Amino acid sequence: MTDRLQYSQRIAAARAGFSERTARRLEADPRLPSQRQSARGRTVPDPLEAVWEPVLLPILERDPAVQAVTLLRHLQMTDPDAFPDDRIRRTLERRVRDWRALHGPERDVIFRQAPEPGRMALSDFTDVGRLGVTIAGVPLEHRLFHFVLAYSGWEHAAVVLGGESFTALAENLQNALWTLGGVPQEHRTDSLSAAYRNLDADAAADVTRRYDAFCAHYGMLASRNNPGEAHENGAVEAQNNHLKVALDQALILRGSRDFVELDDWKRFVDELVARRNRRREATVRTEMAALRPLPTRRTTDFTEVVARVTKTGGFLVHAVFYSAPSQLIGKRLRVHVYDDRIEAFLGATRVVTHPRQRGRRDGVRVHCVNYRHVIHALRRKPQALAGSVYRDGLFPRSEYEAAWAALSAALPRRDACRRMVDLLWLAHDEGCEAELAGLIAAALGDGLLPEARTLKPKLVPRRRQLPGDTTVTLTDLSSFDALLEGRA
């Protein structure tokens, strides 16, 4: 426009770099294009004009959660001639969406937090069934206990075979703290029934007595997220998914999801978690400086049950029968129930240990029997084997179970029981359970019936020779005089 003061319209347009036609338009109306645009009006009548304010708006104001499709169905029922089909559904959905954005209720806002070193640790149980892990070909029903520090992301994971019980929480949480070597100020979970009664609205009054005592022992503040607000535990919820993805990828690289024993799977998890923690060493060192020291000892992380050993050679714990040495019949044992095992004590002496079993929902009694506990009595009464209620749990390995099936099918009941008891006695007496299992499998593979008398010579002899010459140095008796002087 400055050039236009000195030059013609054509020359000024050329100097400005646009056409003469554009120059004429600008001279005729100097407003910007955005200022010249006319307001866009409706091209068709509003289909909701007659019903929006008198009918639909009162319903929305009464309860903003009502869906647009519900409003449409309401219109179709009250005035089917005006709204015969779903043609206005998208228009109604946009109108309801815009109304909520302008006049709807206040919505929750998530406040992102800046974690402080040593301030908070979080725990959670997460299901890992989708990993498809099997133990000796049998699918493993389990979950993982996952412990995470909010600041550094240091984590600890443990395989849990049962439910989200207090024993699983306390035992694995203690293992995590002692592995870490320090204690955070606060420990947060979701509303675990193992830690909270979930009956009282006041979380402080809702903590169970055992969990409260546990946290007091370590000097931690117990807290939980609000019900239904999983994002408040995002530090562990997100790590749950990351850990399961990492385990899945590691299993793909391994080439198999089957493990020989449960301990092999536990070791696999521990090794992967250790590799993940090594990548956090810098932040872990910062957090370790802010953690509180551990107490001088661990606290109770089990449930105690008192059980009497009956004449059937065992005791009941949570509807599961566990065997015990016959010398303990009639004795009362204090049984410590952990998540993965039970330990029975006579006084202060541990006398029985078993892997923990869970009762069945159909009411059938579960038996956990160590054949060494009953083999002496069974050798005196071999015929009791055939009808024993825990016969199938008596065999230590699948090869012994296969031997019983072959013997009971081929021999009279009396002879089958005697041979099977002789095999169990040989495994116990010679301490060759695994080696004898291999010989039994070989005999069955050759079509022969295993017999202790013929298999015993094939066992590798145990080394019974005494060690060579041993020099024994006698204590100088005069050294005891120092004790007498100290007493004086």
Protein backbone atom coordinates (compact mmCIF):
# COMPACT_ATOMS: atom_id res chain seq x y z
CA MET A 1 0.00 0.00 0.00
CA THR A 2 3.01 2.31 0.43
CA ASP A 3 4.09 1.65 -3.14
CA ARG A 4 0.56 2.47 -4.28
CA LEU A 5 1.13 6.08 -3.27
CA GLN A 6 3.81 6.43 -6.00
CA TYR A 7 3.00 3.77 -8.56
CA SER A 8 0.07 2.47 -10.48
CA GLN A 9 -2.00 -0.43 -9.21
CA ARG A 10 -0.33 -2.89 -11.59
CA ILE A 11 3.24 -1.82 -10.68
CA ALA A 12 2.52 -1.74 -6.93
CA ALA A 13 1.00 -5.25 -7.08
CA ALA A 14 4.06 -6.52 -8.99
CA ARG A 15 6.42 -4.98 -6.43
CA ALA A 16 4.41 -6.62 -3.63
CA GLY A 17 4.56 -10.01 -5.34
CA PHE A 18 0.89 -10.73 -6.07
CA SER A 19 -1.52 -10.32 -8.94
CA GLU A 20 -3.28 -7.19 -10.11
CA ARG A 21 -6.61 -8.85 -9.38
CA THR A 22 -5.63 -9.32 -5.72
CA ALA A 23 -4.55 -5.67 -5.61
CA ARG A 24 -7.98 -4.54 -6.85
CA ARG A 25 -9.69 -6.68 -4.19
CA LEU A 26 -7.50 -5.29 -1.40
CA GLU A 27 -8.07 -1.68 -2.51
CA ALA A 28 -11.78 -2.22 -2.69
CA ASP A 29 -11.93 -3.72 0.87
CA PRO A 30 -8.79 -3.31 3.05
CA ARG A 31 -10.09 -5.69 5.76
CA LEU A 32 -8.25 -8.97 6.40
CA PRO A 33 -9.79 -12.14 4.91
CA SER A 34 -10.61 -13.41 8.40
CA GLN A 35 -12.53 -10.18 9.06
CA ARG A 36 -14.52 -10.41 5.86
CA GLN A 37 -15.85 -13.95 6.56
CA SER A 38 -19.53 -14.03 7.33
CA ALA A 39 -20.78 -16.04 10.30
CA ARG A 40 -21.74 -19.55 9.23
CA GLY A 41 -25.36 -20.28 9.94
CA ARG A 42 -27.35 -23.47 9.99
CA THR A 43 -28.06 -24.98 6.61
CA VAL A 44 -30.82 -27.22 7.96
CA PRO A 45 -33.32 -26.76 10.81
CA ASP A 46 -32.25 -27.89 14.32
CA PRO A 47 -33.92 -31.33 14.86
CA LEU A 48 -33.66 -30.91 18.66
CA GLU A 49 -35.00 -27.36 18.89
CA ALA A 50 -38.42 -28.42 20.16
CA VAL A 51 -37.21 -30.92 22.75
CA TRP A 52 -33.74 -29.84 23.94
CA GLU A 53 -34.68 -27.25 26.60
CA PRO A 54 -38.14 -28.46 27.69
CA VAL A 55 -37.46 -32.23 27.67
CA LEU A 56 -33.79 -33.21 27.55
CA LEU A 57 -32.05 -30.47 29.51
CA PRO A 58 -33.97 -31.12 32.78
CA ILE A 59 -32.96 -34.79 32.59
CA LEU A 60 -29.28 -33.88 32.06
CA GLU A 61 -29.32 -31.37 34.90
CA ARG A 62 -30.89 -33.92 37.22
CA ASP A 63 -28.24 -36.57 36.45
CA PRO A 64 -25.41 -35.69 34.03
CA ALA A 65 -24.41 -39.37 33.80
CA VAL A 66 -27.33 -40.15 31.48
CA GLN A 67 -26.15 -41.29 28.05
CA ALA A 68 -27.21 -39.70 24.77
CA VAL A 69 -28.60 -42.98 23.49
CA THR A 70 -30.80 -43.20 26.60
CA LEU A 71 -32.19 -39.76 25.83
CA LEU A 72 -32.84 -40.82 22.26
CA ARG A 73 -34.75 -43.90 23.37
CA HIS A 74 -36.77 -41.68 25.71
CA LEU A 75 -37.72 -39.43 22.80
CA GLN A 76 -38.65 -42.41 20.65
CA MET A 77 -40.97 -43.72 23.36
CA THR A 78 -42.64 -40.38 24.12
CA ASP A 79 -42.93 -39.13 20.53
CA PRO A 80 -42.39 -42.00 18.06
CA ASP A 81 -43.75 -40.03 15.11
CA ALA A 82 -41.19 -37.19 15.47
CA PHE A 83 -38.24 -39.54 16.13
CA PRO A 84 -38.92 -42.77 14.26
CA ASP A 85 -35.27 -43.84 13.83
CA ASP A 86 -31.68 -43.15 15.01
CA ARG A 87 -31.00 -40.46 12.41
CA ILE A 88 -30.33 -37.76 15.02
CA ARG A 89 -28.18 -39.93 17.28
CA ARG A 90 -24.84 -38.29 16.31
CA THR A 91 -26.34 -34.81 16.64
CA LEU A 92 -27.67 -35.66 20.10
CA GLU A 93 -24.33 -37.15 21.18
CA ARG A 94 -22.45 -33.99 20.13
CA ARG A 95 -25.00 -31.79 21.90
CA VAL A 96 -24.73 -33.80 25.14
CA ARG A 97 -20.91 -33.81 24.89
CA ASP A 98 -20.77 -30.04 24.47
CA TRP A 99 -23.23 -29.48 27.33
CA ARG A 100 -21.12 -31.60 29.70
CA ALA A 101 -17.98 -29.67 28.73
CA LEU A 102 -19.67 -26.32 29.52
CA HIS A 103 -22.13 -27.14 32.30
CA GLY A 104 -21.26 -30.63 33.53
CA PRO A 105 -19.98 -31.57 37.01
CA GLU A 106 -16.39 -31.03 38.14
CA ARG A 107 -14.08 -33.88 37.24
CA ASP A 108 -11.19 -35.39 39.19
CA VAL A 109 -7.71 -34.13 38.40
CA ILE A 110 -4.68 -36.40 38.70
CA PHE A 111 -1.80 -34.60 40.41
CA ARG A 112 1.53 -36.01 39.32
CA GLN A 113 3.88 -36.47 42.24
CA ALA A 114 7.62 -35.92 42.57
CA PRO A 115 8.81 -38.90 44.68
CA GLU A 116 11.28 -38.28 47.51
CA PRO A 117 14.20 -40.63 48.20
CA GLY A 118 13.41 -43.05 50.99
CA ARG A 119 9.85 -41.80 51.36
CA MET A 120 7.56 -44.48 49.92
CA ALA A 121 7.56 -48.13 48.91
CA LEU A 122 4.60 -49.89 47.30
CA SER A 123 3.56 -53.55 47.21
CA ASP A 124 1.07 -55.41 45.07
CA PHE A 125 0.09 -58.93 44.04
CA THR A 126 -0.17 -59.43 40.29
CA ASP A 127 -1.48 -62.43 38.35
CA VAL A 128 0.97 -63.97 35.85
CA GLY A 129 -1.23 -66.70 34.40
CA ARG A 130 -0.82 -65.28 30.90
CA LEU A 131 2.88 -66.24 30.97
CA GLY A 132 1.90 -69.92 30.66
CA VAL A 133 4.63 -71.23 32.99
CA THR A 134 4.56 -75.00 33.65
CA ILE A 135 6.45 -77.15 36.16
CA ALA A 136 7.31 -80.59 34.74
CA GLY A 137 4.52 -80.10 32.21
CA VAL A 138 1.87 -79.10 34.76
CA PRO A 139 0.49 -75.52 34.53
CA LEU A 140 1.51 -73.48 37.56
CA GLU A 141 -1.27 -71.46 39.20
CA HIS A 142 0.47 -68.63 40.98
CA ARG A 143 0.98 -64.91 41.21
CA LEU A 144 3.87 -62.58 41.98
CA PHE A 145 4.39 -60.37 45.01
CA HIS A 146 5.91 -57.15 43.69
CA PHE A 147 7.69 -54.57 45.86
CA VAL A 148 8.85 -51.25 44.34
CA LEU A 149 10.55 -48.13 45.69
CA ALA A 150 8.78 -45.07 44.30
CA TYR A 151 11.91 -42.93 43.83
CA SER A 152 14.53 -45.29 42.40
CA GLY A 153 12.25 -48.01 41.01
CA TRP A 154 14.24 -50.73 42.85
CA GLU A 155 12.05 -53.82 42.87
CA HIS A 156 11.72 -57.24 44.44
CA ALA A 157 9.50 -60.03 43.12
CA ALA A 158 8.57 -63.37 44.66
CA VAL A 159 6.46 -66.32 43.51
CA VAL A 160 3.28 -66.75 45.59
CA LEU A 161 1.38 -70.02 45.30
CA GLY A 162 -1.62 -69.14 47.43
CA GLY A 163 -3.82 -66.08 47.70
CA GLU A 164 -3.17 -62.56 48.94
CA SER A 165 -2.79 -63.68 52.56
CA PHE A 166 -1.04 -62.01 55.47
CA THR A 167 1.67 -64.68 55.50
CA ALA A 168 2.41 -64.05 51.81
CA LEU A 169 2.49 -60.28 52.40
CA ALA A 170 4.56 -60.33 55.59
CA GLU A 171 7.09 -62.97 54.52
CA ASN A 172 7.80 -61.49 51.10
CA LEU A 173 7.75 -57.89 52.33
CA GLN A 174 10.32 -58.79 54.97
CA ASN A 175 12.45 -60.55 52.37
CA ALA A 176 12.30 -57.42 50.21
CA LEU A 177 13.33 -55.11 53.08
CA TRP A 178 16.23 -57.31 54.17
CA THR A 179 17.38 -57.75 50.59
CA LEU A 180 17.24 -53.97 50.17
CA GLY A 181 19.05 -53.35 53.45
CA GLY A 182 16.88 -50.47 54.63
CA VAL A 183 13.36 -49.35 55.52
CA PRO A 184 11.31 -46.59 53.80
CA GLN A 185 9.15 -44.19 55.78
CA GLU A 186 5.83 -45.38 54.29
CA HIS A 187 4.53 -48.62 52.81
CA ARG A 188 1.50 -48.44 50.53
CA THR A 189 -0.77 -51.20 49.21
CA ASP A 190 -4.23 -51.37 47.77
CA SER A 191 -7.09 -52.53 50.02
CA LEU A 192 -5.63 -55.96 50.75
CA SER A 193 -7.80 -58.00 53.09
CA ALA A 194 -4.53 -59.29 54.58
CA ALA A 195 -3.74 -55.77 55.77
CA TYR A 196 -7.13 -54.01 56.05
CA ARG A 197 -10.53 -55.07 57.29
CA ASN A 198 -12.19 -52.89 54.62
CA LEU A 199 -15.13 -52.21 56.92
CA ASP A 200 -14.29 -48.82 58.33
CA ALA A 201 -14.19 -45.66 56.24
CA ASP A 202 -11.29 -44.39 58.35
CA ALA A 203 -8.19 -46.17 57.00
CA ALA A 204 -6.24 -45.55 60.19
CA ALA A 205 -8.81 -47.49 62.22
CA ASP A 206 -9.16 -50.14 59.57
CA VAL A 207 -5.65 -51.62 59.73
CA THR A 208 -5.59 -55.21 60.95
CA ARG A 209 -3.82 -55.85 64.22
CA ARG A 210 -1.14 -58.10 62.70
CA TYR A 211 -0.29 -55.73 59.86
CA ASP A 212 -0.23 -52.77 62.24
CA ALA A 213 2.22 -54.61 64.49
CA PHE A 214 4.31 -55.59 61.47
CA CYS A 215 4.66 -51.99 60.27
CA ALA A 216 5.34 -50.78 63.82
CA HIS A 217 8.22 -53.25 64.11
CA TYR A 218 9.88 -51.70 61.06
CA GLY A 219 8.82 -48.14 61.86
CA MET A 220 6.85 -47.76 58.62
CA LEU A 221 3.64 -45.81 58.13
CA ALA A 222 0.94 -48.04 56.61
CA SER A 223 -1.20 -46.47 53.90
CA ARG A 224 -3.40 -47.52 51.01
CA ASN A 225 -4.92 -45.95 47.92
CA ASN A 226 -8.55 -44.91 47.75
CA PRO A 227 -10.86 -47.74 46.62
CA GLY A 228 -11.15 -47.89 42.85
CA GLU A 229 -8.32 -45.39 42.28
CA ALA A 230 -5.58 -47.69 40.98
CA HIS A 231 -3.64 -44.75 39.51
CA GLU A 232 -2.74 -43.71 43.07
CA ASN A 233 -0.51 -46.81 43.15
CA GLY A 234 0.80 -46.10 39.67
CA ALA A 235 4.43 -46.58 40.70
CA VAL A 236 3.81 -50.29 41.25
CA GLU A 237 0.90 -50.83 38.83
CA ALA A 238 3.02 -49.68 35.89
CA GLN A 239 5.97 -51.76 37.07
CA ASN A 240 3.69 -54.81 37.24
CA ASN A 241 3.11 -54.60 33.50
CA HIS A 242 6.76 -53.85 32.75
CA LEU A 243 7.88 -56.86 34.80
CA LYS A 244 5.43 -59.24 33.14
CA VAL A 245 6.48 -58.06 29.69
CA ALA A 246 10.14 -58.54 30.62
CA LEU A 247 9.44 -62.05 31.93
CA ASP A 248 7.51 -62.92 28.78
CA GLN A 249 10.37 -61.73 26.56
CA ALA A 250 12.93 -63.61 28.67
CA LEU A 251 10.88 -66.80 28.36
CA ILE A 252 10.77 -66.33 24.57
CA LEU A 253 14.56 -66.09 24.51
CA ARG A 254 14.80 -69.16 26.75
CA GLY A 255 12.82 -71.14 24.20
CA SER A 256 10.64 -72.94 26.74
CA ARG A 257 8.16 -72.04 29.45
CA ASP A 258 8.52 -75.38 31.24
CA PHE A 259 10.75 -75.77 34.31
CA VAL A 260 11.86 -78.98 36.00
CA GLU A 261 11.18 -77.70 39.52
CA LEU A 262 9.50 -74.73 41.12
CA ASP A 263 12.85 -73.50 42.46
CA ASP A 264 14.10 -73.20 38.87
CA TRP A 265 11.26 -70.77 38.04
CA LYS A 266 11.89 -68.80 41.24
CA ARG A 267 15.56 -68.52 40.35
CA PHE A 268 14.63 -67.36 36.83
CA VAL A 269 12.50 -64.54 38.29
CA ASP A 270 15.21 -63.53 40.78
CA GLU A 271 17.88 -63.33 38.08
CA LEU A 272 15.72 -61.17 35.81
CA VAL A 273 14.82 -58.78 38.64
CA ALA A 274 18.49 -58.52 39.61
CA ARG A 275 19.40 -57.54 36.04
CA ARG A 276 16.67 -54.88 36.02
CA ASN A 277 17.90 -53.47 39.36
CA ARG A 278 21.48 -53.16 38.09
CA ARG A 279 20.30 -50.52 35.63
CA ARG A 280 19.08 -48.39 38.57
CA GLU A 281 22.27 -48.42 40.64
CA ALA A 282 22.80 -44.64 40.58
CA THR A 283 19.33 -43.74 41.87
CA VAL A 284 19.36 -46.67 44.31
CA ARG A 285 22.53 -45.30 45.93
CA THR A 286 20.79 -41.95 46.37
CA GLU A 287 17.75 -43.63 47.94
CA MET A 288 19.78 -45.94 50.17
CA ALA A 289 21.25 -42.87 51.90
CA ALA A 290 17.71 -41.78 52.87
CA LEU A 291 16.42 -45.18 54.10
CA ARG A 292 16.11 -45.99 57.76
CA PRO A 293 18.20 -48.85 59.20
CA LEU A 294 16.70 -52.30 59.61
CA PRO A 295 15.69 -53.49 63.09
CA THR A 296 17.94 -55.95 64.88
CA ARG A 297 15.74 -58.93 63.97
CA ARG A 298 12.89 -60.01 61.75
CA THR A 299 9.34 -60.15 63.05
CA THR A 300 6.63 -62.76 62.78
CA ASP A 301 5.73 -63.48 59.16
CA PHE A 302 3.70 -66.63 59.62
CA THR A 303 0.43 -67.83 61.10
CA GLU A 304 0.72 -70.15 64.08
CA VAL A 305 -1.57 -73.14 64.52
CA VAL A 306 -1.51 -75.72 67.32
CA ALA A 307 -2.16 -79.27 66.09
CA ARG A 308 -2.05 -82.70 67.70
CA VAL A 309 -0.42 -85.66 65.92
CA THR A 310 -3.05 -88.39 65.71
CA LYS A 311 -2.66 -92.16 65.56
CA THR A 312 -2.94 -91.97 61.78
CA GLY A 313 0.59 -90.57 61.75
CA GLY A 314 -0.09 -86.92 61.03
CA PHE A 315 -1.91 -83.69 61.87
CA LEU A 316 -4.39 -81.35 60.22
CA VAL A 317 -3.67 -77.74 59.26
CA HIS A 318 -6.35 -75.81 57.35
CA ALA A 319 -8.09 -79.07 56.30
CA VAL A 320 -4.85 -80.57 54.91
CA PHE A 321 -3.27 -83.73 56.39
CA TYR A 322 0.50 -83.61 56.94
CA SER A 323 2.51 -86.65 58.03
CA ALA A 324 4.86 -86.69 61.02
CA PRO A 325 7.32 -89.21 62.52
CA SER A 326 5.50 -91.85 64.52
CA GLN A 327 7.40 -90.88 67.68
CA LEU A 328 5.34 -87.68 67.76
CA ILE A 329 1.94 -89.40 67.97
CA GLY A 330 -0.04 -87.79 70.77
CA LYS A 331 2.18 -84.70 70.91
CA ARG A 332 0.93 -81.15 70.42
CA LEU A 333 2.93 -79.24 67.81
CA ARG A 334 3.14 -75.52 67.13
CA VAL A 335 2.87 -75.21 63.36
CA HIS A 336 4.17 -72.11 61.59
CA VAL A 337 2.20 -71.69 58.36
CA TYR A 338 4.05 -69.79 55.63
CA ASP A 339 2.94 -69.16 52.09
CA ASP A 340 5.02 -71.99 50.59
CA ARG A 341 5.74 -74.31 53.53
CA ILE A 342 4.81 -75.36 57.05
CA GLU A 343 7.22 -75.91 59.93
CA ALA A 344 6.14 -77.83 63.03
CA PHE A 345 7.88 -77.40 66.39
CA LEU A 346 7.92 -79.54 69.51
CA GLY A 347 8.87 -76.95 72.09
CA ALA A 348 11.69 -75.03 70.45
CA THR A 349 12.80 -77.93 68.22
CA ARG A 350 11.70 -78.05 64.60
CA VAL A 351 10.58 -81.60 63.94
CA VAL A 352 8.59 -81.52 60.67
CA THR A 353 8.79 -79.48 57.46
CA HIS A 354 6.47 -79.88 54.49
CA PRO A 355 5.71 -77.86 51.35
CA ARG A 356 2.40 -76.16 51.98
CA GLN A 357 -0.69 -77.60 50.31
CA ARG A 358 -4.12 -76.01 49.81
CA GLY A 359 -7.44 -77.65 50.50
CA ARG A 360 -9.76 -78.50 47.62
CA ARG A 361 -13.08 -76.75 47.14
CA ASP A 362 -14.93 -80.01 46.50
CA GLY A 363 -14.32 -81.19 50.06
CA VAL A 364 -11.89 -84.02 49.17
CA ARG A 365 -9.13 -84.23 51.79
CA VAL A 366 -5.64 -83.31 50.57
CA HIS A 367 -2.71 -85.32 51.97
CA CYS A 368 0.95 -84.34 52.11
CA VAL A 369 2.90 -87.42 53.19
CA ASN A 370 6.62 -88.10 53.49
CA TYR A 371 7.05 -91.85 53.12
CA ARG A 372 10.04 -91.77 55.49
CA HIS A 373 7.66 -90.87 58.34
CA VAL A 374 5.60 -94.05 57.97
CA ILE A 375 7.90 -96.56 56.26
CA HIS A 376 8.87 -98.31 59.50
CA ALA A 377 5.23 -98.94 60.45
CA LEU A 378 4.37 -99.79 56.84
CA ARG A 379 7.13 -102.40 56.71
CA ARG A 380 5.48 -104.18 59.61
CA LYS A 381 2.05 -103.90 57.96
CA PRO A 382 2.66 -103.92 54.19
CA GLN A 383 -0.93 -104.88 53.37
CA ALA A 384 -2.11 -101.50 54.71
CA LEU A 385 -0.65 -99.86 51.61
CA ALA A 386 -3.39 -100.92 49.22
CA GLY A 387 -6.28 -99.32 51.09
CA SER A 388 -4.49 -96.35 52.67
CA VAL A 389 -6.33 -93.06 52.17
CA TYR A 390 -3.03 -91.29 51.45
CA ARG A 391 -1.48 -94.07 49.34
CA ASP A 392 -1.16 -91.92 46.22
CA GLY A 393 0.61 -89.18 48.18
CA LEU A 394 3.02 -91.72 49.66
CA PHE A 395 5.08 -92.22 46.50
CA PRO A 396 8.00 -89.75 46.34
CA ARG A 397 8.32 -89.77 42.53
CA SER A 398 6.23 -90.62 39.51
CA GLU A 399 8.39 -93.73 38.84
CA TYR A 400 7.27 -95.25 42.16
CA GLU A 401 3.64 -94.51 41.30
CA ALA A 402 4.12 -96.25 37.93
CA ALA A 403 5.72 -99.20 39.73
CA TRP A 404 2.67 -99.55 41.99
CA ALA A 405 0.33 -99.42 39.00
CA ALA A 406 2.31 -102.21 37.25
CA LEU A 407 2.62 -104.37 40.38
CA SER A 408 -1.04 -104.06 41.39
CA ALA A 409 -2.13 -104.94 37.85
CA ALA A 410 0.13 -108.00 37.45
CA LEU A 411 0.34 -109.52 40.95
CA PRO A 412 -2.05 -110.51 43.70
CA ARG A 413 -2.72 -107.72 46.13
CA ARG A 414 -0.62 -109.28 48.89
CA ASP A 415 2.48 -109.68 46.72
CA ALA A 416 2.08 -106.25 45.12
CA CYS A 417 1.96 -104.54 48.53
CA ARG A 418 5.00 -106.44 49.79
CA ARG A 419 7.09 -105.60 46.72
CA MET A 420 6.12 -101.94 46.75
CA VAL A 421 6.91 -101.55 50.45
CA ASP A 422 10.28 -103.26 49.88
CA LEU A 423 11.07 -100.70 47.16
CA LEU A 424 10.16 -97.80 49.46
CA TRP A 425 12.23 -99.29 52.27
CA LEU A 426 15.22 -99.71 49.95
CA ALA A 427 14.96 -96.05 48.87
CA HIS A 428 14.81 -94.97 52.52
CA ASP A 429 17.46 -97.31 53.92
CA GLU A 430 20.05 -96.72 51.20
CA GLY A 431 19.25 -93.04 50.65
CA CYS A 432 18.95 -93.69 46.92
CA GLU A 433 15.51 -92.38 46.06
CA ALA A 434 16.49 -90.75 42.76
CA GLU A 435 18.88 -93.52 41.65
CA LEU A 436 16.34 -96.23 42.45
CA ALA A 437 13.69 -94.31 40.53
CA GLY A 438 15.88 -94.54 37.43
CA LEU A 439 16.32 -98.31 37.87
CA ILE A 440 12.54 -98.72 38.32
CA ALA A 441 11.88 -96.78 35.12
CA ALA A 442 14.42 -98.92 33.23
CA ALA A 443 12.84 -102.15 34.50
CA LEU A 444 9.36 -101.03 33.53
CA GLY A 445 10.68 -99.99 30.13
CA ASP A 446 12.03 -103.51 29.62
CA GLY A 447 8.66 -104.99 30.54
CA LEU A 448 9.85 -106.29 33.94
CA LEU A 449 8.27 -105.90 37.33
CA PRO A 450 10.64 -104.04 39.68
CA GLU A 451 11.75 -105.89 42.78
CA ALA A 452 14.00 -104.60 45.55
CA ARG A 453 16.00 -107.84 45.73
CA THR A 454 17.10 -107.62 42.09
CA LEU A 455 17.60 -103.85 41.97
CA LYS A 456 19.68 -103.47 45.13
CA PRO A 457 22.88 -104.98 43.60
CA LYS A 458 22.66 -102.44 40.75
CA LEU A 459 22.85 -99.47 43.11
CA VAL A 460 26.13 -97.59 43.40
CA PRO A 461 27.58 -98.59 46.79
CA ARG A 462 27.66 -95.83 49.32
CA ARG A 463 31.10 -94.83 50.51
CA ARG A 464 31.29 -96.16 54.04
CA GLN A 465 35.07 -96.22 54.60
CA LEU A 466 36.44 -94.11 57.37
CA PRO A 467 38.80 -91.24 56.61
CA GLY A 468 42.53 -91.86 56.69
CA ASP A 469 44.91 -91.14 59.53
CA THR A 470 43.78 -88.14 61.50
CA THR A 471 46.03 -86.22 63.83
CA VAL A 472 44.34 -85.19 67.07
CA THR A 473 45.96 -82.37 69.03
CA LEU A 474 45.27 -82.53 72.74
CA THR A 475 44.66 -79.34 74.65
CA ASP A 476 47.35 -78.29 77.12
CA LEU A 477 45.79 -78.67 80.55
CA SER A 478 47.71 -75.70 81.91
CA SER A 479 45.57 -73.43 79.70
CA PHE A 480 42.66 -74.03 82.05
CA ASP A 481 44.55 -72.21 84.80
CA ALA A 482 43.72 -68.94 83.07
CA LEU A 483 40.04 -69.67 83.60
CA LEU A 484 40.59 -70.27 87.28
CA GLU A 485 42.55 -67.03 87.64
CA GLY A 486 39.82 -65.10 85.86
CA ARG A 487 37.26 -66.50 88.26
CA ALA A 488 39.42 -65.50 91.21
